[in-house]
C-alpha atoms as a PDB file:
ATOM      1  CA  MET A   1      79.798 129.773  56.655  1.00  0.00           C
ATOM      2  CA  SER A   2      82.028 132.647  57.605  1.00  0.00           C
ATOM      3  CA  THR A   3      82.923 133.293  61.198  1.00  0.00           C
ATOM      4  CA  ASN A   4      81.272 136.724  61.144  1.00  0.00           C
ATOM      5  CA  ARG A   5      78.060 135.224  59.793  1.00  0.00           C
ATOM      6  CA  ARG A   6      78.077 132.556  62.544  1.00  0.00           C
ATOM      7  CA  PHE A   7      78.649 135.223  65.157  1.00  0.00           C
ATOM      8  CA  SER A   8      75.837 137.357  63.732  1.00  0.00           C
ATOM      9  CA  ARG A   9      73.500 134.375  63.824  1.00  0.00           C
ATOM     10  CA  ARG A  10      74.424 133.664  67.448  1.00  0.00           C
ATOM     11  CA  ILE A  11      73.692 137.240  68.443  1.00  0.00           C
ATOM     12  CA  ALA A  12      70.409 137.227  66.501  1.00  0.00           C
ATOM     13  CA  SER A  13      69.434 133.969  68.188  1.00  0.00           C
ATOM     14  CA  ALA A  14      70.217 135.393  71.597  1.00  0.00           C
ATOM     15  CA  LEU A  15      68.179 138.515  70.880  1.00  0.00           C
ATOM     16  CA  LEU A  16      65.264 136.461  69.613  1.00  0.00           C
ATOM     17  CA  LEU A  17      65.406 134.312  72.726  1.00  0.00           C
ATOM     18  CA  SER A  18      65.421 137.417  74.897  1.00  0.00           C
ATOM     19  CA  VAL A  19      62.380 138.748  73.054  1.00  0.00           C
ATOM     20  CA  ALA A  20      60.669 135.363  73.387  1.00  0.00           C
ATOM     21  CA  LEU A  21      61.389 135.274  77.106  1.00  0.00           C
ATOM     22  CA  ALA A  22      60.132 138.791  77.541  1.00  0.00           C
ATOM     23  CA  GLY A  23      57.086 138.022  75.396  1.00  0.00           C
ATOM     24  CA  GLY A  24      56.223 134.980  77.455  1.00  0.00           C
ATOM     25  CA  VAL A  25      56.192 137.049  80.598  1.00  0.00           C
ATOM     26  CA  SER A  26      54.650 140.171  79.086  1.00  0.00           C
ATOM     27  CA  ALA A  27      51.372 138.400  78.466  1.00  0.00           C
ATOM     28  CA  GLN A  28      50.990 138.228  82.211  1.00  0.00           C
ATOM     29  CA  THR A  29      52.855 141.359  83.245  1.00  0.00           C
ATOM     30  CA  VAL A  30      51.224 144.656  83.945  1.00  0.00           C
ATOM     31  CA  THR A  31      52.024 148.283  83.220  1.00  0.00           C
ATOM     32  CA  ALA A  32      53.723 150.313  85.905  1.00  0.00           C
ATOM     33  CA  ALA A  33      50.509 152.188  86.583  1.00  0.00           C
ATOM     34  CA  ASP A  34      48.523 148.947  86.788  1.00  0.00           C
ATOM     35  CA  LEU A  35      51.103 147.406  89.109  1.00  0.00           C
ATOM     36  CA  LEU A  36      51.000 150.444  91.390  1.00  0.00           C
ATOM     37  CA  GLN A  37      47.197 150.262  91.463  1.00  0.00           C
ATOM     38  CA  ARG A  38      47.334 146.557  92.307  1.00  0.00           C
ATOM     39  CA  VAL A  39      49.822 147.183  95.109  1.00  0.00           C
ATOM     40  CA  GLU A  40      47.789 150.025  96.549  1.00  0.00           C
ATOM     41  CA  SER A  41      44.510 148.156  96.392  1.00  0.00           C
ATOM     42  CA  ALA A  42      45.762 144.754  97.603  1.00  0.00           C
ATOM     43  CA  ARG A  43      43.775 143.598 100.605  1.00  0.00           C
ATOM     44  CA  SER A  44      42.943 139.894 100.246  1.00  0.00           C
ATOM     45  CA  SER A  45      45.078 136.788 100.178  1.00  0.00           C
ATOM     46  CA  ALA A  46      44.349 136.409  96.489  1.00  0.00           C
ATOM     47  CA  ASP A  47      45.524 139.979  95.797  1.00  0.00           C
ATOM     48  CA  TYR A  48      48.835 139.394  97.554  1.00  0.00           C
ATOM     49  CA  GLU A  49      49.271 135.984  95.954  1.00  0.00           C
ATOM     50  CA  ALA A  50      48.754 137.545  92.515  1.00  0.00           C
ATOM     51  CA  LEU A  51      51.500 140.048  93.268  1.00  0.00           C
ATOM     52  CA  ALA A  52      53.773 137.236  94.468  1.00  0.00           C
ATOM     53  CA  THR A  53      53.172 135.409  91.200  1.00  0.00           C
ATOM     54  CA  TYR A  54      54.024 138.527  89.230  1.00  0.00           C
ATOM     55  CA  TYR A  55      57.325 138.848  91.049  1.00  0.00           C
ATOM     56  CA  ASP A  56      58.047 135.121  90.541  1.00  0.00           C
ATOM     57  CA  GLN A  57      57.654 135.740  86.807  1.00  0.00           C
ATOM     58  CA  GLN A  58      59.994 138.739  86.953  1.00  0.00           C
ATOM     59  CA  ALA A  59      62.577 136.611  88.793  1.00  0.00           C
ATOM     60  CA  ALA A  60      62.323 133.884  86.148  1.00  0.00           C
ATOM     61  CA  ALA A  61      62.791 136.440  83.346  1.00  0.00           C
ATOM     62  CA  SER A  62      65.863 137.884  85.073  1.00  0.00           C
ATOM     63  CA  ARG A  63      67.358 134.414  85.511  1.00  0.00           C
ATOM     64  CA  GLY A  64      66.755 133.758  81.813  1.00  0.00           C
ATOM     65  CA  ILE A  65      68.540 136.931  80.796  1.00  0.00           C
ATOM     66  CA  ALA A  66      71.465 136.053  83.051  1.00  0.00           C
ATOM     67  CA  ALA A  67      71.719 132.577  81.544  1.00  0.00           C
ATOM     68  CA  GLU A  68      71.730 133.946  78.007  1.00  0.00           C
ATOM     69  CA  HIS A  69      74.493 136.389  78.787  1.00  0.00           C
ATOM     70  CA  ARG A  70      76.581 133.606  80.297  1.00  0.00           C
ATOM     71  CA  LYS A  71      76.249 131.742  77.025  1.00  0.00           C
ATOM     72  CA  MET A  72      77.295 134.847  75.105  1.00  0.00           C
ATOM     73  CA  VAL A  73      80.443 135.088  77.248  1.00  0.00           C
ATOM     74  CA  LYS A  74      81.578 131.764  75.753  1.00  0.00           C
ATOM     75  CA  SER A  75      80.949 133.011  72.226  1.00  0.00           C
ATOM     76  CA  TYR A  76      82.893 136.192  72.830  1.00  0.00           C
ATOM     77  CA  GLN A  77      85.750 134.280  74.414  1.00  0.00           C
ATOM     78  CA  GLY A  78      85.948 132.191  71.219  1.00  0.00           C
ATOM     79  CA  MET A  79      86.126 135.375  69.160  1.00  0.00           C
ATOM     80  CA  ILE A  80      88.937 136.730  71.310  1.00  0.00           C
ATOM     81  CA  ALA A  81      90.875 133.483  70.998  1.00  0.00           C
ATOM     82  CA  GLY A  82      90.476 133.705  67.230  1.00  0.00           C
ATOM     83  CA  GLY A  83      91.960 137.190  67.231  1.00  0.00           C
ATOM     84  CA  ARG A  84      88.822 139.046  66.160  1.00  0.00           C
ATOM     85  CA  GLY A  85      88.570 141.624  68.916  1.00  0.00           C
ATOM     86  CA  ALA A  86      85.646 142.213  71.246  1.00  0.00           C
ATOM     87  CA  ALA A  87      87.862 141.781  74.272  1.00  0.00           C
ATOM     88  CA  SER A  88      85.603 143.750  76.583  1.00  0.00           C
ATOM     89  CA  MET A  89      82.406 141.929  75.654  1.00  0.00           C
ATOM     90  CA  PRO A  90      82.807 139.012  78.125  1.00  0.00           C
ATOM     91  CA  ALA A  91      83.119 141.535  80.951  1.00  0.00           C
ATOM     92  CA  HIS A  92      79.961 143.309  79.804  1.00  0.00           C
ATOM     93  CA  CYS A  93      78.033 140.052  79.590  1.00  0.00           C
ATOM     94  CA  ASN A  94      79.266 138.904  82.991  1.00  0.00           C
ATOM     95  CA  ALA A  95      78.184 142.231  84.483  1.00  0.00           C
ATOM     96  CA  ILE A  96      74.731 141.954  82.932  1.00  0.00           C
ATOM     97  CA  ALA A  97      74.412 138.358  84.137  1.00  0.00           C
ATOM     98  CA  SER A  98      75.470 139.360  87.649  1.00  0.00           C
ATOM     99  CA  LYS A  99      73.019 142.292  87.773  1.00  0.00           C
ATOM    100  CA  ASN A 100      70.189 140.061  86.579  1.00  0.00           C
ATOM    101  CA  ASP A 101      71.086 137.432  89.200  1.00  0.00           C
ATOM    102  CA  GLY A 102      70.742 140.198  91.804  1.00  0.00           C
ATOM    103  CA  LEU A 103      67.441 141.321  90.311  1.00  0.00           C
ATOM    104  CA  ALA A 104      66.141 137.737  90.435  1.00  0.00           C
ATOM    105  CA  LYS A 105      67.032 137.540  94.130  1.00  0.00           C
ATOM    106  CA  ASP A 106      65.295 140.836  94.795  1.00  0.00           C
ATOM    107  CA  TYR A 107      62.192 139.722  92.910  1.00  0.00           C
ATOM    108  CA  GLU A 108      62.201 136.413  94.809  1.00  0.00           C
ATOM    109  CA  ALA A 109      62.379 138.309  98.107  1.00  0.00           C
ATOM    110  CA  MET A 110      59.468 140.474  97.049  1.00  0.00           C
ATOM    111  CA  ALA A 111      57.431 137.388  96.089  1.00  0.00           C
ATOM    112  CA  ALA A 112      58.219 135.852  99.478  1.00  0.00           C
ATOM    113  CA  ALA A 113      57.122 139.031 101.253  1.00  0.00           C
ATOM    114  CA  TYR A 114      53.828 139.087  99.362  1.00  0.00           C
ATOM    115  CA  ARG A 115      53.271 135.407 100.155  1.00  0.00           C
ATOM    116  CA  GLN A 116      53.763 136.248 103.821  1.00  0.00           C
ATOM    117  CA  MET A 117      51.209 139.063 103.497  1.00  0.00           C
ATOM    118  CA  ALA A 118      48.840 136.616 101.798  1.00  0.00           C
ATOM    119  CA  LYS A 119      49.040 134.304 104.809  1.00  0.00           C
ATOM    120  CA  GLN A 120      48.161 137.147 107.156  1.00  0.00           C
ATOM    121  CA  ALA A 121      45.432 138.721 105.029  1.00  0.00           C
ATOM    122  CA  LYS A 122      41.764 137.954 105.070  1.00  0.00           C
ATOM    123  CA  PRO A 123      40.648 135.524 102.360  1.00  0.00           C
END
């Protein structure tokens, strides 16, 4: 199998995995309008816990995206070593991984804040 074909298959696999990760979360995610409505109407412990769970799922999705881009860095580095270009791609993937790590931390902080609200709310 040619090197270009292997590379194309790796990229396709990564994209499919990203779609699968997003699909796994999207079954339980909400639209922006629905999320806003849930935030505005949250009053009970269960309401806040549901929001915390949503943000836990968002954190997991962000960590998954970061992990996939770290794997892609290795593929691109192999391409560069083989003299096939794409020299800037590892930097792009590292930046995306880093941004998603930050998003995951932000989502985890939001989940923790909602869990704290759940403890203080009426059942």
